[in-house]
Amino acid sequence: MADIDKYTLVSFAPSIVIVAAMIVGTFVAVRFLKKVIAQDAAKAGE
């Protein structure tokens, strides 16, 4: 495996942070949508 020096980390770390943020954002959005869909279904069933 290649050595990770400071200059490699400077360009690599932001990319990993962005990917992690997108994954977390996706899970948060899916949970939010499930809640909204459940509320809408409850209103439709009234």
Protein backbone atom coordinates (compact mmCIF):
# COMPACT_ATOMS: atom_id res chain seq x y z
CA MET A 1 0.00 0.00 0.00
CA ALA A 2 1.27 3.47 -0.84
CA ASP A 3 2.42 5.71 1.95
CA ILE A 4 -0.02 8.49 2.77
CA ASP A 5 1.88 11.72 3.27
CA LYS A 6 0.55 15.11 4.24
CA TYR A 7 0.04 16.27 0.65
CA THR A 8 -1.94 13.18 -0.30
CA LEU A 9 -4.08 13.59 2.80
CA VAL A 10 -4.84 17.23 1.95
CA SER A 11 -6.64 16.17 -1.22
CA PHE A 12 -7.93 12.82 0.07
CA ALA A 13 -9.54 13.92 3.36
CA PRO A 14 -12.07 16.39 1.88
CA SER A 15 -13.20 13.77 -0.62
CA ILE A 16 -13.86 11.26 2.16
CA VAL A 17 -15.70 13.90 4.19
CA ILE A 18 -17.94 14.71 1.22
CA VAL A 19 -18.70 11.04 0.54
CA ALA A 20 -19.48 10.44 4.23
CA ALA A 21 -21.76 13.50 4.30
CA MET A 22 -23.65 12.26 1.23
CA ILE A 23 -24.16 8.82 2.78
CA VAL A 24 -25.39 10.30 6.08
CA GLY A 25 -27.59 12.78 4.20
CA THR A 26 -29.15 9.97 2.19
CA PHE A 27 -30.08 8.01 5.33
CA VAL A 28 -31.53 11.13 6.98
CA ALA A 29 -33.57 11.94 3.88
CA VAL A 30 -34.92 8.38 3.61
CA ARG A 31 -36.00 8.40 7.27
CA PHE A 32 -37.66 11.81 6.79
CA LEU A 33 -39.49 10.67 3.67
CA LYS A 34 -40.75 7.52 5.40
CA LYS A 35 -42.17 9.67 8.21
CA VAL A 36 -43.84 12.07 5.78
CA ILE A 37 -45.29 9.21 3.72
CA ALA A 38 -46.68 7.59 6.88
CA GLN A 39 -48.30 10.87 7.93
CA ASP A 40 -49.79 11.33 4.48
CA ALA A 41 -51.14 7.78 4.50
CA ALA A 42 -52.71 8.39 7.91
CA LYS A 43 -54.41 11.53 6.61
CA ALA A 44 -55.68 9.69 3.56
CA GLY A 45 -57.13 6.96 5.77
CA GLU A 46 -59.19 9.34 7.88
